Amino acid sequence: MSALLECVTSFLADRKRRSESHTLAEAFNAYKATRGNWSTKYAGEIFYCRRTVTDLLDVPLSDITAQDIEIELAGIAPSNRNAKIKRLRSVFKEAVRQGWITSSPADRLNLTVRKVQEIRIYAVGDVQAMLQRALDTDRMLVPFLAIGAFCGLRPENELANLLWDDVHLDDERPQIVIRPETSKTRRRRFVDVSPNCIAWIQAAGVPRVGKVFPASPKTLQRKRIALCADNQEKEWKAIKWIPDGFRHTFCSAYLTLHESVDRLLLQTGHSDPAILWRHYYRSMTKADAVAFWAIAPG
C-alpha cells in the first residue's frame, strides 16, 4: 500500500510540476522583455532561432531535453547550428534566472568545431574608392563609412545607432564615445578618431545633429549596393561588399601600424586578445597599413 501511495504522490507531484511549468515560447518572450535592446541583426537571429524550434515552443521547459533540441537542429549547417545554440543558451539562461528551470538543456549541446577561416579585408584602393564615390554622389553616407573604416565600430549596433553627440572631433584628443546600450559588451568605451577620418567628415559637410546616419537599415543597404555597383557612366568598377569588412580592415591596419594588441583591444571593445592576434596579425602589409591611414579626400 505504501508503494502505491508513493507512486500516486510522485505522479501527482510530477503532474503539478508540468502544469505549472512555463513553455519555451514564454522563455523567448521573457528574454525579449528583459534583454530586448537588440540590434536589427540580433533581433533577426532570435526570430529565426525561434522559428527553428517551432515544435518545442509549446512544450514545458522542464520537459525539454538536449536530445529534443538536437532533433530540431538536425541538418543545419555547422556555423548556423552554432549560432542557434548560442541564442538558445541565452533564452534558457533567462528561464533559469526567472526560476522556471534549474539548468539549461542547451548547455549540454556541443558546438561544432570549425576550421579557422582567414578574415577578409578591403584593399586600400577599394576603401578610397568607396569614400570618394560617397563624397561625390551621396555625402550623407560619408561619415558612416569614414567612422566605420577608421574607427572600426561594429556596424549593426554601435555605428547604426551612433549619435553626433557622441562624436567629439574638436577635443584635444578626438574620440567617439560608445554608449553601453549600443555596445555589444554593454560597456562604455572611448575610440580614438584618426586625422584622416576627421578630414572625410569635414569634407562631407553634413549637419552634425541626431544620428550619424539618419536613415533606415533598408536605405543604408540600398546605398551600399549603389556605391559598390559597376557603373560605366560614372566609370566605377564593381567592389565586392564584405560583411564587417570595414571593421576587419580597421583591425588589420591598426594592429599592423601600432603592433599592440592591447591598444586594439581598447579600441574595438573586444574581450579576447588571442582572437584579435590570430585574426589580424600579419593580415596586412606595413606599406598597406601606412597607405590606409593616409587615405584622404581627393
Protein backbone atom coordinates (compact mmCIF):
# COMPACT_ATOMS: atom_id res chain seq x y z
CA MET A 1 0.00 0.00 0.00
CA SER A 2 2.85 2.39 0.84
CA ALA A 3 4.44 1.70 -2.55
CA LEU A 4 1.17 2.54 -4.32
CA LEU A 5 0.79 5.73 -2.28
CA GLU A 6 4.36 6.71 -3.14
CA CYS A 7 3.69 6.17 -6.86
CA VAL A 8 0.48 8.20 -6.76
CA THR A 9 2.17 11.01 -4.82
CA SER A 10 5.04 11.06 -7.29
CA PHE A 11 2.65 11.11 -10.24
CA LEU A 12 0.60 13.97 -8.80
CA ALA A 13 3.75 15.97 -7.97
CA ASP A 14 5.05 15.48 -11.50
CA ARG A 15 1.68 16.46 -12.97
CA LYS A 16 1.57 19.60 -10.82
CA ARG A 17 5.13 20.48 -11.83
CA ARG A 18 4.34 20.11 -15.54
CA SER A 19 1.08 22.06 -15.31
CA GLU A 20 2.88 24.97 -13.63
CA SER A 21 5.90 24.86 -15.92
CA HIS A 22 6.48 27.71 -18.33
CA THR A 23 6.94 26.97 -22.02
CA LEU A 24 9.82 27.73 -24.34
CA ALA A 25 7.67 30.37 -26.05
CA GLU A 26 7.31 32.13 -22.70
CA ALA A 27 11.07 31.95 -22.23
CA PHE A 28 11.62 33.66 -25.61
CA ASN A 29 9.12 36.36 -24.62
CA ALA A 30 10.79 36.87 -21.24
CA TYR A 31 14.20 37.14 -22.87
CA LYS A 32 12.87 39.79 -25.23
CA ALA A 33 11.19 41.69 -22.39
CA THR A 34 14.27 41.81 -20.17
CA ARG A 35 17.09 41.81 -22.75
CA GLY A 36 15.28 43.32 -25.72
CA ASN A 37 17.54 46.28 -26.59
CA TRP A 38 18.79 44.43 -29.68
CA SER A 39 20.32 45.43 -32.96
CA THR A 40 18.34 44.64 -36.09
CA LYS A 41 20.77 41.83 -36.85
CA TYR A 42 20.44 40.21 -33.41
CA ALA A 43 16.65 40.52 -33.44
CA GLY A 44 16.65 38.68 -36.76
CA GLU A 45 18.86 35.93 -35.32
CA ILE A 46 16.45 35.43 -32.40
CA PHE A 47 13.48 35.39 -34.79
CA TYR A 48 14.99 32.65 -36.96
CA CYS A 49 16.19 30.71 -33.92
CA ARG A 50 12.66 30.71 -32.55
CA ARG A 51 11.30 29.58 -35.90
CA THR A 52 13.80 26.69 -35.98
CA VAL A 53 12.45 25.25 -32.72
CA THR A 54 8.76 25.82 -33.51
CA ASP A 55 7.86 22.26 -32.46
CA LEU A 56 9.17 22.93 -28.95
CA LEU A 57 7.59 26.32 -28.30
CA ASP A 58 4.53 24.96 -26.50
CA VAL A 59 6.47 22.30 -24.60
CA PRO A 60 7.06 22.88 -20.86
CA LEU A 61 10.66 23.92 -20.26
CA SER A 62 11.10 21.16 -17.70
CA ASP A 63 10.31 18.54 -20.37
CA ILE A 64 12.78 19.78 -23.00
CA THR A 65 15.97 17.75 -23.28
CA ALA A 66 19.21 18.29 -25.14
CA GLN A 67 18.16 15.49 -27.49
CA ASP A 68 14.93 17.33 -28.31
CA ILE A 69 16.93 20.38 -29.34
CA GLU A 70 19.36 18.25 -31.37
CA ILE A 71 16.42 16.88 -33.36
CA GLU A 72 15.25 20.41 -34.17
CA LEU A 73 18.76 21.42 -35.30
CA ALA A 74 19.34 18.34 -37.45
CA GLY A 75 20.56 19.10 -40.95
CA ILE A 76 21.56 22.70 -40.24
CA ALA A 77 24.99 23.84 -41.45
CA PRO A 78 27.64 23.86 -38.65
CA SER A 79 28.07 27.65 -38.48
CA ASN A 80 24.30 28.21 -38.43
CA ARG A 81 23.85 25.44 -35.87
CA ASN A 82 26.42 27.00 -33.55
CA ALA A 83 24.74 30.39 -33.80
CA LYS A 84 21.34 28.94 -32.93
CA ILE A 85 22.75 27.01 -29.96
CA LYS A 86 24.27 30.22 -28.61
CA ARG A 87 20.96 32.05 -28.95
CA LEU A 88 19.08 29.17 -27.28
CA ARG A 89 21.58 29.22 -24.43
CA SER A 90 20.73 32.88 -23.87
CA VAL A 91 16.99 32.13 -23.84
CA PHE A 92 17.32 29.17 -21.46
CA LYS A 93 19.67 31.20 -19.26
CA GLU A 94 16.89 33.75 -18.85
CA ALA A 95 14.50 30.93 -17.90
CA VAL A 96 16.98 29.78 -15.24
CA ARG A 97 17.26 33.36 -13.98
CA GLN A 98 13.47 33.54 -13.72
CA GLY A 99 13.50 30.36 -11.62
CA TRP A 100 11.47 28.40 -14.15
CA ILE A 101 14.10 25.66 -14.55
CA THR A 102 17.27 24.80 -12.65
CA SER A 103 19.56 24.11 -15.61
CA SER A 104 19.70 24.68 -19.35
CA PRO A 105 19.49 21.74 -21.76
CA ALA A 106 21.17 23.91 -24.41
CA ASP A 107 24.33 23.99 -22.27
CA ARG A 108 24.67 20.25 -22.82
CA LEU A 109 24.95 20.67 -26.58
CA ASN A 110 28.41 20.73 -28.12
CA LEU A 111 29.32 23.42 -30.61
CA THR A 112 30.71 22.19 -33.91
CA VAL A 113 34.44 22.85 -34.18
CA ARG A 114 35.15 24.67 -37.42
CA LYS A 115 38.36 25.34 -39.24
CA VAL A 116 39.63 28.85 -38.63
CA GLN A 117 38.98 30.87 -41.77
CA GLU A 118 41.08 33.84 -42.76
CA ILE A 119 39.17 37.08 -42.34
CA ARG A 120 38.51 39.15 -45.45
CA ILE A 121 39.54 42.79 -45.65
CA TYR A 122 39.25 45.52 -48.24
CA ALA A 123 42.09 46.58 -50.46
CA VAL A 124 43.25 50.09 -49.63
CA GLY A 125 42.17 51.25 -53.09
CA ASP A 126 38.64 49.94 -52.54
CA VAL A 127 38.27 51.89 -49.28
CA GLN A 128 39.49 55.04 -51.02
CA ALA A 129 37.10 54.44 -53.92
CA MET A 130 34.03 53.91 -51.73
CA LEU A 131 34.68 57.01 -49.68
CA GLN A 132 35.36 59.15 -52.74
CA ARG A 133 32.25 57.86 -54.51
CA ALA A 134 30.16 58.74 -51.48
CA LEU A 135 31.75 62.18 -51.25
CA ASP A 136 30.99 62.82 -54.92
CA THR A 137 27.43 61.45 -55.01
CA ASP A 138 25.99 60.83 -51.52
CA ARG A 139 27.58 62.92 -48.80
CA MET A 140 25.19 61.74 -46.09
CA LEU A 141 26.91 58.36 -46.30
CA VAL A 142 30.47 59.67 -45.88
CA PRO A 143 30.60 59.94 -42.05
CA PHE A 144 29.12 56.44 -41.68
CA LEU A 145 31.77 54.98 -44.00
CA ALA A 146 34.65 57.01 -42.59
CA ILE A 147 33.88 56.14 -38.97
CA GLY A 148 33.36 52.50 -39.93
CA ALA A 149 36.67 52.34 -41.75
CA PHE A 150 38.92 54.40 -39.48
CA CYS A 151 37.31 53.77 -36.06
CA GLY A 152 36.24 50.14 -36.51
CA LEU A 153 32.82 50.39 -34.86
CA ARG A 154 30.51 47.39 -35.08
CA PRO A 155 28.19 48.31 -37.96
CA GLU A 156 24.89 46.78 -36.84
CA ASN A 157 24.59 48.32 -33.38
CA GLU A 158 27.38 50.74 -32.50
CA LEU A 159 27.62 52.53 -35.83
CA ALA A 160 23.96 52.28 -36.87
CA ASN A 161 22.90 53.92 -33.57
CA LEU A 162 25.75 56.40 -33.22
CA LEU A 163 24.72 59.96 -32.36
CA TRP A 164 26.64 63.07 -33.29
CA ASP A 165 26.53 63.99 -29.59
CA ASP A 166 28.90 61.06 -29.02
CA VAL A 167 31.37 62.20 -31.69
CA HIS A 168 33.88 64.65 -30.21
CA LEU A 169 36.05 65.89 -33.07
CA ASP A 170 37.06 69.22 -31.53
CA ASP A 171 38.53 67.85 -28.31
CA GLU A 172 42.27 67.87 -27.71
CA ARG A 173 42.12 64.11 -28.28
CA PRO A 174 39.26 63.48 -30.74
CA GLN A 175 37.21 60.49 -29.64
CA ILE A 176 33.92 58.71 -30.09
CA VAL A 177 32.02 57.58 -27.00
CA ILE A 178 30.37 54.18 -27.37
CA ARG A 179 27.41 54.07 -25.01
CA PRO A 180 26.75 50.84 -23.04
CA GLU A 181 23.27 50.48 -24.53
CA THR A 182 24.70 50.22 -28.07
CA SER A 183 27.85 48.28 -27.21
CA LYS A 184 27.84 44.52 -27.76
CA THR A 185 29.64 44.08 -24.44
CA ARG A 186 27.36 46.61 -22.66
CA ARG A 187 30.46 48.55 -21.57
CA ARG A 188 31.27 52.17 -22.33
CA ARG A 189 34.46 52.75 -24.28
CA PHE A 190 36.29 55.59 -25.98
CA VAL A 191 37.51 55.20 -29.55
CA ASP A 192 40.20 57.47 -30.99
CA VAL A 193 39.35 59.32 -34.20
CA SER A 194 42.19 59.48 -36.71
CA PRO A 195 43.10 62.69 -38.59
CA ASN A 196 42.04 61.24 -41.95
CA CYS A 197 38.66 60.22 -40.51
CA ILE A 198 38.13 63.82 -39.36
CA ALA A 199 39.15 65.08 -42.82
CA TRP A 200 36.49 62.95 -44.52
CA ILE A 201 33.78 64.04 -42.08
CA GLN A 202 34.66 67.68 -42.53
CA ALA A 203 34.76 67.27 -46.32
CA ALA A 204 31.24 65.80 -46.27
CA GLY A 205 29.94 68.95 -44.62
CA VAL A 206 26.75 67.31 -43.32
CA PRO A 207 24.83 68.68 -40.30
CA ARG A 208 26.08 67.09 -37.08
CA VAL A 209 22.76 66.60 -35.33
CA GLY A 210 20.85 63.46 -34.45
CA LYS A 211 22.13 60.18 -35.81
CA VAL A 212 25.35 59.98 -37.80
CA PHE A 213 23.39 58.04 -40.42
CA PRO A 214 19.77 59.30 -40.15
CA ALA A 215 18.04 56.69 -42.27
CA SER A 216 16.67 53.14 -42.05
CA PRO A 217 18.72 49.94 -42.41
CA LYS A 218 16.99 49.29 -45.74
CA THR A 219 18.06 52.70 -47.03
CA LEU A 220 21.61 52.01 -45.89
CA GLN A 221 21.59 48.66 -47.68
CA ARG A 222 20.33 50.29 -50.88
CA LYS A 223 23.02 52.96 -50.72
CA ARG A 224 25.73 50.35 -50.10
CA ILE A 225 24.66 48.39 -53.16
CA ALA A 226 24.66 51.50 -55.34
CA LEU A 227 28.07 52.54 -54.03
CA CYS A 228 29.68 49.19 -54.82
CA ALA A 229 27.94 48.52 -58.14
CA ASP A 230 29.58 48.60 -61.54
CA ASN A 231 28.62 51.90 -63.16
CA GLN A 232 30.02 52.57 -66.62
CA GLU A 233 28.51 56.05 -66.78
CA LYS A 234 30.43 57.07 -63.64
CA GLU A 235 33.40 54.88 -64.57
CA TRP A 236 33.02 52.84 -61.40
CA LYS A 237 34.23 49.28 -61.20
CA ALA A 238 32.29 46.87 -59.01
CA ILE A 239 33.53 46.42 -55.44
CA LYS A 240 32.51 43.32 -53.51
CA TRP A 241 30.85 44.32 -50.25
CA ILE A 242 32.35 42.40 -47.31
CA PRO A 243 30.19 41.93 -44.20
CA ASP A 244 32.00 43.67 -41.30
CA GLY A 245 34.69 44.45 -43.88
CA PHE A 246 35.46 47.94 -42.59
CA ARG A 247 35.88 46.67 -39.03
CA HIS A 248 38.15 43.84 -40.18
CA THR A 249 40.18 46.23 -42.32
CA PHE A 250 40.48 48.70 -39.45
CA CYS A 251 41.69 45.99 -37.06
CA SER A 252 44.25 44.75 -39.57
CA ALA A 253 45.59 48.22 -40.33
CA TYR A 254 45.63 49.28 -36.66
CA LEU A 255 47.48 46.20 -35.42
CA THR A 256 49.97 46.37 -38.29
CA LEU A 257 50.73 50.04 -37.70
CA HIS A 258 50.78 50.11 -33.89
CA GLU A 259 51.87 46.50 -33.24
CA SER A 260 49.91 46.47 -29.99
CA VAL A 261 47.05 44.05 -29.48
CA ASP A 262 46.32 45.71 -26.11
CA ARG A 263 45.66 49.06 -27.79
CA LEU A 264 43.48 47.35 -30.40
CA LEU A 265 41.54 45.64 -27.60
CA LEU A 266 40.68 49.02 -26.07
CA GLN A 267 39.68 50.50 -29.43
CA THR A 268 37.42 47.64 -30.53
CA GLY A 269 35.85 46.61 -27.22
CA HIS A 270 36.86 43.03 -27.90
CA SER A 271 37.28 40.69 -24.93
CA ASP A 272 39.86 38.20 -26.22
CA PRO A 273 43.35 39.40 -27.25
CA ALA A 274 44.23 35.93 -28.53
CA ILE A 275 41.42 36.04 -31.10
CA LEU A 276 42.43 39.53 -32.22
CA TRP A 277 46.01 38.42 -32.65
CA ARG A 278 45.06 35.26 -34.52
CA HIS A 279 42.71 37.07 -36.90
CA TYR A 280 44.60 40.28 -37.61
CA TYR A 281 48.33 39.77 -37.09
CA ARG A 282 50.06 40.00 -40.46
CA SER A 283 46.78 40.21 -42.34
CA MET A 284 48.02 43.44 -43.96
CA THR A 285 51.46 44.61 -45.04
CA LYS A 286 53.13 47.57 -43.36
CA ALA A 287 53.05 49.53 -46.61
CA ASP A 288 49.30 48.95 -46.98
CA ALA A 289 48.69 49.97 -43.36
CA VAL A 290 50.57 53.22 -43.88
CA ALA A 291 48.61 53.83 -47.08
CA PHE A 292 45.31 53.05 -45.30
CA TRP A 293 45.87 55.68 -42.62
CA ALA A 294 46.80 58.19 -45.33
CA ILE A 295 43.52 57.81 -47.26
CA ALA A 296 42.21 61.35 -47.61
CA PRO A 297 39.57 63.20 -49.65
CA GLY A 298 40.62 63.92 -53.23
